[in-house]
PDB file of N, CA and C in Angstrom:
ATOM      1  N   MET A   1     100.908  82.800  86.941  1.00  0.00           N
ATOM      2  CA  MET A   1     101.121  82.898  85.462  1.00  0.00           C
ATOM      3  C   MET A   1     102.277  82.455  84.665  1.00  0.00           C
ATOM      4  N   ASN A   2     102.256  81.460  83.869  1.00  0.00           N
ATOM      5  CA  ASN A   2     103.264  80.647  83.236  1.00  0.00           C
ATOM      6  C   ASN A   2     103.681  79.902  84.287  1.00  0.00           C
ATOM      7  N   SER A   3     105.168  80.187  84.648  1.00  0.00           N
ATOM      8  CA  SER A   3     105.829  79.811  85.787  1.00  0.00           C
ATOM      9  C   SER A   3     105.976  80.838  86.718  1.00  0.00           C
ATOM     10  N   GLN A   4     105.112  81.650  86.673  1.00  0.00           N
ATOM     11  CA  GLN A   4     105.364  82.905  87.704  1.00  0.00           C
ATOM     12  C   GLN A   4     104.063  82.699  88.749  1.00  0.00           C
ATOM     13  N   GLU A   5     104.608  83.177  89.860  1.00  0.00           N
ATOM     14  CA  GLU A   5     103.603  82.846  91.139  1.00  0.00           C
ATOM     15  C   GLU A   5     103.828  84.282  91.771  1.00  0.00           C
ATOM     16  N   VAL A   6     102.570  84.347  92.550  1.00  0.00           N
ATOM     17  CA  VAL A   6     102.483  85.276  93.927  1.00  0.00           C
ATOM     18  C   VAL A   6     101.874  84.677  94.735  1.00  0.00           C
ATOM     19  N   ALA A   7     102.401  85.205  96.057  1.00  0.00           N
ATOM     20  CA  ALA A   7     101.651  84.577  97.305  1.00  0.00           C
ATOM     21  C   ALA A   7     102.001  85.568  98.304  1.00  0.00           C
ATOM     22  N   GLY A   8     101.407  85.499  99.397  1.00  0.00           N
ATOM     23  CA  GLY A   8     101.596  86.200 100.696  1.00  0.00           C
ATOM     24  C   GLY A   8     100.318  86.045 101.634  1.00  0.00           C
ATOM     25  N   PHE A   9     100.447  86.344 102.810  1.00  0.00           N
ATOM     26  CA  PHE A   9      99.519  86.129 103.989  1.00  0.00           C
ATOM     27  C   PHE A   9      98.831  87.365 104.358  1.00  0.00           C
ATOM     28  N   TRP A  10      97.342  86.988 104.882  1.00  0.00           N
ATOM     29  CA  TRP A  10      96.787  88.053 104.877  1.00  0.00           C
ATOM     30  C   TRP A  10      97.045  88.804 106.510  1.00  0.00           C
ATOM     31  N   ASN A  11      96.425  89.923 106.490  1.00  0.00           N
ATOM     32  CA  ASN A  11      96.474  90.834 107.907  1.00  0.00           C
ATOM     33  C   ASN A  11      95.566  90.221 108.604  1.00  0.00           C
ATOM     34  N   HIS A  12      95.611  90.745 109.986  1.00  0.00           N
ATOM     35  CA  HIS A  12      94.534  90.454 110.881  1.00  0.00           C
ATOM     36  C   HIS A  12      93.142  90.516 110.466  1.00  0.00           C
ATOM     37  N   HIS A  13      92.935  91.818 110.065  1.00  0.00           N
ATOM     38  CA  HIS A  13      91.558  92.137 109.747  1.00  0.00           C
ATOM     39  C   HIS A  13      91.215  91.367 108.384  1.00  0.00           C
ATOM     40  N   MET A  14      92.145  90.903 107.252  1.00  0.00           N
ATOM     41  CA  MET A  14      91.527  90.227 105.954  1.00  0.00           C
ATOM     42  C   MET A  14      91.642  88.646 106.357  1.00  0.00           C
ATOM     43  N   SER A  15      92.124  88.380 107.736  1.00  0.00           N
ATOM     44  CA  SER A  15      91.924  86.899 107.902  1.00  0.00           C
ATOM     45  C   SER A  15      90.892  86.630 108.434  1.00  0.00           C
ATOM     46  N   HIS A  16      90.039  87.732 109.114  1.00  0.00           N
ATOM     47  CA  HIS A  16      88.606  87.549 109.416  1.00  0.00           C
ATOM     48  C   HIS A  16      87.693  87.630 108.623  1.00  0.00           C
ATOM     49  N   ALA A  17      87.881  88.253 107.275  1.00  0.00           N
ATOM     50  CA  ALA A  17      86.835  88.838 106.365  1.00  0.00           C
ATOM     51  C   ALA A  17      86.414  87.176 105.785  1.00  0.00           C
ATOM     52  N   HIS A  18      84.993  87.709 105.565  1.00  0.00           N
ATOM     53  CA  HIS A  18      84.264  86.255 104.553  1.00  0.00           C
ATOM     54  C   HIS A  18      85.214  85.814 103.527  1.00  0.00           C
ATOM     55  N   SER A  19      85.188  84.358 103.524  1.00  0.00           N
ATOM     56  CA  SER A  19      86.153  83.521 102.648  1.00  0.00           C
ATOM     57  C   SER A  19      85.724  84.280 101.203  1.00  0.00           C
ATOM     58  N   ASN A  20      84.603  84.487 100.858  1.00  0.00           N
ATOM     59  CA  ASN A  20      84.279  84.537  99.507  1.00  0.00           C
ATOM     60  C   ASN A  20      84.922  86.198  99.240  1.00  0.00           C
ATOM     61  N   TYR A  21      84.900  87.190 100.001  1.00  0.00           N
ATOM     62  CA  TYR A  21      85.511  88.109  99.981  1.00  0.00           C
ATOM     63  C   TYR A  21      87.238  88.071  99.571  1.00  0.00           C
ATOM     64  N   ARG A  22      87.869  87.222 100.639  1.00  0.00           N
ATOM     65  CA  ARG A  22      89.368  87.212 100.444  1.00  0.00           C
ATOM     66  C   ARG A  22      89.296  86.090  99.270  1.00  0.00           C
ATOM     67  N   GLU A  23      88.642  85.234  98.595  1.00  0.00           N
ATOM     68  CA  GLU A  23      88.889  84.955  97.546  1.00  0.00           C
ATOM     69  C   GLU A  23      88.732  85.935  96.216  1.00  0.00           C
ATOM     70  N   LEU A  24      87.573  86.770  96.248  1.00  0.00           N
ATOM     71  CA  LEU A  24      87.568  87.920  95.176  1.00  0.00           C
ATOM     72  C   LEU A  24      88.653  88.638  95.289  1.00  0.00           C
ATOM     73  N   MET A  25      89.427  88.828  96.649  1.00  0.00           N
ATOM     74  CA  MET A  25      90.455  90.250  96.593  1.00  0.00           C
ATOM     75  C   MET A  25      92.048  89.112  96.070  1.00  0.00           C
ATOM     76  N   CYS A  26      91.836  87.899  96.269  1.00  0.00           N
ATOM     77  CA  CYS A  26      93.172  87.012  95.558  1.00  0.00           C
ATOM     78  C   CYS A  26      93.146  87.335  94.181  1.00  0.00           C
ATOM     79  N   ILE A  27      91.828  87.162  93.337  1.00  0.00           N
ATOM     80  CA  ILE A  27      91.769  87.402  92.092  1.00  0.00           C
ATOM     81  C   ILE A  27      92.290  88.834  91.782  1.00  0.00           C
ATOM     82  N   LEU A  28      91.828  89.742  92.688  1.00  0.00           N
ATOM     83  CA  LEU A  28      92.226  91.193  92.400  1.00  0.00           C
ATOM     84  C   LEU A  28      93.907  91.605  92.222  1.00  0.00           C
ATOM     85  N   LEU A  29      94.458  90.816  93.280  1.00  0.00           N
ATOM     86  CA  LEU A  29      95.630  91.185  93.727  1.00  0.00           C
ATOM     87  C   LEU A  29      96.579  90.369  92.495  1.00  0.00           C
ATOM     88  N   ALA A  30      95.894  89.396  92.177  1.00  0.00           N
ATOM     89  CA  ALA A  30      96.945  88.314  90.719  1.00  0.00           C
ATOM     90  C   ALA A  30      96.805  89.251  89.302  1.00  0.00           C
ATOM     91  N   LEU A  31      95.591  90.051  89.547  1.00  0.00           N
ATOM     92  CA  LEU A  31      95.314  91.022  88.234  1.00  0.00           C
ATOM     93  C   LEU A  31      96.480  92.402  88.493  1.00  0.00           C
ATOM     94  N   LYS A  32      96.537  92.481  89.517  1.00  0.00           N
ATOM     95  CA  LYS A  32      97.701  93.826  89.696  1.00  0.00           C
ATOM     96  C   LYS A  32      98.866  93.311  89.776  1.00  0.00           C
ATOM     97  N   SER A  33      99.150  92.286  90.039  1.00  0.00           N
ATOM     98  CA  SER A  33     100.799  91.589  90.281  1.00  0.00           C
ATOM     99  C   SER A  33     101.182  91.486  88.750  1.00  0.00           C
ATOM    100  N   PHE A  34      99.947  90.891  87.518  1.00  0.00           N
ATOM    101  CA  PHE A  34     100.610  90.619  86.542  1.00  0.00           C
ATOM    102  C   PHE A  34     100.323  91.613  85.490  1.00  0.00           C
ATOM    103  N   ARG A  35      99.806  92.645  85.998  1.00  0.00           N
ATOM    104  CA  ARG A  35      99.216  94.087  85.113  1.00  0.00           C
ATOM    105  C   ARG A  35     100.032  94.232  83.998  1.00  0.00           C
ATOM    106  N   THR A  36     101.386  94.223  84.130  1.00  0.00           N
ATOM    107  CA  THR A  36     102.317  94.531  82.943  1.00  0.00           C
ATOM    108  C   THR A  36     102.195  93.524  81.725  1.00  0.00           C
ATOM    109  N   GLU A  37     101.999  92.180  82.271  1.00  0.00           N
ATOM    110  CA  GLU A  37     101.785  90.858  81.597  1.00  0.00           C
ATOM    111  C   GLU A  37     100.556  91.130  80.589  1.00  0.00           C
ATOM    112  N   LEU A  38      99.399  91.563  81.559  1.00  0.00           N
ATOM    113  CA  LEU A  38      98.190  91.342  80.851  1.00  0.00           C
ATOM    114  C   LEU A  38      97.757  92.299  79.892  1.00  0.00           C
ATOM    115  N   VAL A  39      98.228  93.537  79.956  1.00  0.00           N
ATOM    116  CA  VAL A  39      97.712  94.653  79.080  1.00  0.00           C
ATOM    117  C   VAL A  39      97.787  93.956  77.629  1.00  0.00           C
ATOM    118  N   GLY A  40      96.235  94.718  77.094  1.00  0.00           N
ATOM    119  CA  GLY A  40      95.825  94.242  75.966  1.00  0.00           C
ATOM    120  C   GLY A  40      95.721  92.766  75.745  1.00  0.00           C
ATOM    121  N   LYS A  41      95.509  91.889  76.609  1.00  0.00           N
ATOM    122  CA  LYS A  41      95.210  90.766  76.776  1.00  0.00           C
ATOM    123  C   LYS A  41      93.904  90.272  77.215  1.00  0.00           C
ATOM    124  N   HIS A  42      93.101  89.300  76.885  1.00  0.00           N
ATOM    125  CA  HIS A  42      91.972  88.939  77.260  1.00  0.00           C
ATOM    126  C   HIS A  42      92.390  87.814  78.325  1.00  0.00           C
ATOM    127  N   VAL A  43      91.918  87.878  79.710  1.00  0.00           N
ATOM    128  CA  VAL A  43      92.072  87.136  80.713  1.00  0.00           C
ATOM    129  C   VAL A  43      90.474  86.233  81.361  1.00  0.00           C
ATOM    130  N   GLN A  44      91.012  84.877  81.384  1.00  0.00           N
ATOM    131  CA  GLN A  44      90.152  84.335  81.947  1.00  0.00           C
ATOM    132  C   GLN A  44      90.274  83.725  83.256  1.00  0.00           C
ATOM    133  N   ILE A  45      89.514  84.121  83.984  1.00  0.00           N
ATOM    134  CA  ILE A  45      89.513  83.464  85.635  1.00  0.00           C
ATOM    135  C   ILE A  45      88.861  82.356  85.908  1.00  0.00           C
ATOM    136  N   LEU A  46      89.648  81.440  86.106  1.00  0.00           N
ATOM    137  CA  LEU A  46      89.338  80.066  86.800  1.00  0.00           C
ATOM    138  C   LEU A  46      89.097  80.071  88.094  1.00  0.00           C
ATOM    139  N   SER A  47      87.901  79.692  88.682  1.00  0.00           N
ATOM    140  CA  SER A  47      87.845  79.589  90.039  1.00  0.00           C
ATOM    141  C   SER A  47      86.912  78.480  90.452  1.00  0.00           C
ATOM    142  N   ASP A  48      87.466  77.608  91.730  1.00  0.00           N
ATOM    143  CA  ASP A  48      86.446  76.682  91.832  1.00  0.00           C
ATOM    144  C   ASP A  48      85.167  77.140  92.860  1.00  0.00           C
ATOM    145  N   ASN A  49      85.363  78.578  92.812  1.00  0.00           N
ATOM    146  CA  ASN A  49      83.937  79.125  93.861  1.00  0.00           C
ATOM    147  C   ASN A  49      83.080  79.633  92.814  1.00  0.00           C
ATOM    148  N   VAL A  50      81.665  79.155  92.738  1.00  0.00           N
ATOM    149  CA  VAL A  50      80.960  79.388  91.916  1.00  0.00           C
ATOM    150  C   VAL A  50      80.045  80.832  92.504  1.00  0.00           C
ATOM    151  N   THR A  51      80.486  81.284  93.576  1.00  0.00           N
ATOM    152  CA  THR A  51      80.028  82.530  94.376  1.00  0.00           C
ATOM    153  C   THR A  51      80.753  83.558  93.556  1.00  0.00           C
ATOM    154  N   ASP A  52      82.184  83.241  93.620  1.00  0.00           N
ATOM    155  CA  ASP A  52      82.961  84.014  93.214  1.00  0.00           C
ATOM    156  C   ASP A  52      83.206  84.304  91.630  1.00  0.00           C
ATOM    157  N   CYS A  53      82.516  83.186  90.771  1.00  0.00           N
ATOM    158  CA  CYS A  53      82.573  83.511  89.259  1.00  0.00           C
ATOM    159  C   CYS A  53      80.979  84.173  88.902  1.00  0.00           C
ATOM    160  N   ALA A  54      80.317  83.831  89.935  1.00  0.00           N
ATOM    161  CA  ALA A  54      78.755  84.330  89.763  1.00  0.00           C
ATOM    162  C   ALA A  54      78.806  86.149  90.194  1.00  0.00           C
ATOM    163  N   MET A  55      79.896  86.685  91.018  1.00  0.00           N
ATOM    164  CA  MET A  55      79.891  87.873  91.311  1.00  0.00           C
ATOM    165  C   MET A  55      80.346  88.922  90.340  1.00  0.00           C
ATOM    166  N   THR A  56      81.888  87.891  89.864  1.00  0.00           N
ATOM    167  CA  THR A  56      82.578  88.675  89.062  1.00  0.00           C
ATOM    168  C   THR A  56      81.804  89.005  87.624  1.00  0.00           C
ATOM    169  N   ASN A  57      81.164  87.960  87.146  1.00  0.00           N
ATOM    170  CA  ASN A  57      80.286  88.112  86.014  1.00  0.00           C
ATOM    171  C   ASN A  57      79.108  88.877  85.717  1.00  0.00           C
ATOM    172  N   LYS A  58      78.619  89.192  87.172  1.00  0.00           N
ATOM    173  CA  LYS A  58      77.050  89.715  87.331  1.00  0.00           C
ATOM    174  C   LYS A  58      77.641  91.419  88.197  1.00  0.00           C
ATOM    175  N   LEU A  59      78.735  91.433  88.493  1.00  0.00           N
ATOM    176  CA  LEU A  59      79.186  92.655  89.228  1.00  0.00           C
ATOM    177  C   LEU A  59      78.451  92.652  90.446  1.00  0.00           C
ATOM    178  N   ARG A  60      77.874  91.814  90.963  1.00  0.00           N
ATOM    179  CA  ARG A  60      77.205  92.049  92.263  1.00  0.00           C
ATOM    180  C   ARG A  60      77.482  90.973  93.251  1.00  0.00           C
ATOM    181  N   GLY A  61      77.514  91.232  94.579  1.00  0.00           N
ATOM    182  CA  GLY A  61      77.414  90.258  95.636  1.00  0.00           C
ATOM    183  C   GLY A  61      76.245  90.336  96.709  1.00  0.00           C
ATOM    184  N   ALA A  62      76.586  89.456  97.663  1.00  0.00           N
ATOM    185  CA  ALA A  62      75.299  89.233  98.391  1.00  0.00           C
ATOM    186  C   ALA A  62      75.335  90.675  99.573  1.00  0.00           C
ATOM    187  N   SER A  63      76.567  91.086  99.365  1.00  0.00           N
ATOM    188  CA  SER A  63      76.895  92.124 100.680  1.00  0.00           C
ATOM    189  C   SER A  63      77.293  93.312  99.441  1.00  0.00           C
ATOM    190  N   GLN A  64      77.234  94.824 100.177  1.00  0.00           N
ATOM    191  CA  GLN A  64      77.861  95.677  99.627  1.00  0.00           C
ATOM    192  C   GLN A  64      79.409  95.579  99.171  1.00  0.00           C
ATOM    193  N   ASP A  65      79.916  95.190 100.134  1.00  0.00           N
ATOM    194  CA  ASP A  65      81.695  94.854 100.060  1.00  0.00           C
ATOM    195  C   ASP A  65      81.686  94.194  98.981  1.00  0.00           C
ATOM    196  N   LEU A  66      81.304  92.991  98.936  1.00  0.00           N
ATOM    197  CA  LEU A  66      81.403  92.028  97.774  1.00  0.00           C
ATOM    198  C   LEU A  66      80.989  92.768  96.502  1.00  0.00           C
ATOM    199  N   SER A  67      80.089  93.182  96.457  1.00  0.00           N
ATOM    200  CA  SER A  67      79.837  93.961  95.099  1.00  0.00           C
ATOM    201  C   SER A  67      80.593  94.923  94.679  1.00  0.00           C
ATOM    202  N   ASP A  68      80.849  95.840  95.697  1.00  0.00           N
ATOM    203  CA  ASP A  68      82.389  96.915  95.429  1.00  0.00           C
ATOM    204  C   ASP A  68      83.488  96.071  94.988  1.00  0.00           C
ATOM    205  N   LEU A  69      83.815  95.162  95.441  1.00  0.00           N
ATOM    206  CA  LEU A  69      84.700  94.526  95.325  1.00  0.00           C
ATOM    207  C   LEU A  69      84.613  94.038  93.637  1.00  0.00           C
ATOM    208  N   ALA A  70      83.647  93.351  93.268  1.00  0.00           N
ATOM    209  CA  ALA A  70      83.617  92.854  92.201  1.00  0.00           C
ATOM    210  C   ALA A  70      83.898  93.783  90.788  1.00  0.00           C
ATOM    211  N   GLN A  71      83.107  94.993  91.357  1.00  0.00           N
ATOM    212  CA  GLN A  71      83.191  96.342  90.491  1.00  0.00           C
ATOM    213  C   GLN A  71      84.684  96.716  90.367  1.00  0.00           C
ATOM    214  N   THR A  72      85.825  96.780  91.365  1.00  0.00           N
ATOM    215  CA  THR A  72      86.897  97.079  91.269  1.00  0.00           C
ATOM    216  C   THR A  72      87.599  95.930  90.506  1.00  0.00           C
ATOM    217  N   LEU A  73      87.275  94.740  90.590  1.00  0.00           N
ATOM    218  CA  LEU A  73      88.076  93.741  89.725  1.00  0.00           C
ATOM    219  C   LEU A  73      87.979  94.249  88.410  1.00  0.00           C
ATOM    220  N   TRP A  74      86.696  94.685  87.681  1.00  0.00           N
ATOM    221  CA  TRP A  74      86.291  95.283  86.542  1.00  0.00           C
ATOM    222  C   TRP A  74      87.066  96.473  86.103  1.00  0.00           C
ATOM    223  N   THR A  75      86.915  97.180  86.967  1.00  0.00           N
ATOM    224  CA  THR A  75      87.804  98.420  86.939  1.00  0.00           C
ATOM    225  C   THR A  75      89.410  98.229  86.460  1.00  0.00           C
ATOM    226  N   GLU A  76      89.730  97.455  87.619  1.00  0.00           N
ATOM    227  CA  GLU A  76      91.123  96.865  87.543  1.00  0.00           C
ATOM    228  C   GLU A  76      91.451  96.515  85.982  1.00  0.00           C
ATOM    229  N   ALA A  77      90.579  95.791  85.411  1.00  0.00           N
ATOM    230  CA  ALA A  77      90.828  94.664  84.325  1.00  0.00           C
ATOM    231  C   ALA A  77      90.972  95.587  82.891  1.00  0.00           C
ATOM    232  N   TYR A  78      90.119  97.036  83.115  1.00  0.00           N
ATOM    233  CA  TYR A  78      90.154  97.742  81.935  1.00  0.00           C
ATOM    234  C   TYR A  78      91.025  98.932  82.088  1.00  0.00           C
ATOM    235  N   GLU A  79      91.914  99.273  83.253  1.00  0.00           N
ATOM    236  CA  GLU A  79      92.745 100.371  83.668  1.00  0.00           C
ATOM    237  C   GLU A  79      93.975  99.906  82.602  1.00  0.00           C
TER     238      GLU A  79
END
């Protein structure tokens, strides 16, 4: 965000999670990392992953884990 970056490494469990799950988790972690800067602002998420965009917009995914994570994203955005 602007010139700020966040980065990290997945633990063993997350490194074996489905790639769509990891990508959605990245979006969630970025929202959490910049929470104070984003309060009261509209956020546009740009992703080259069409599946992530669809899951984020429709609040559901191909599995219950992905659906739960998409819903958590929206919850986090409105807290």
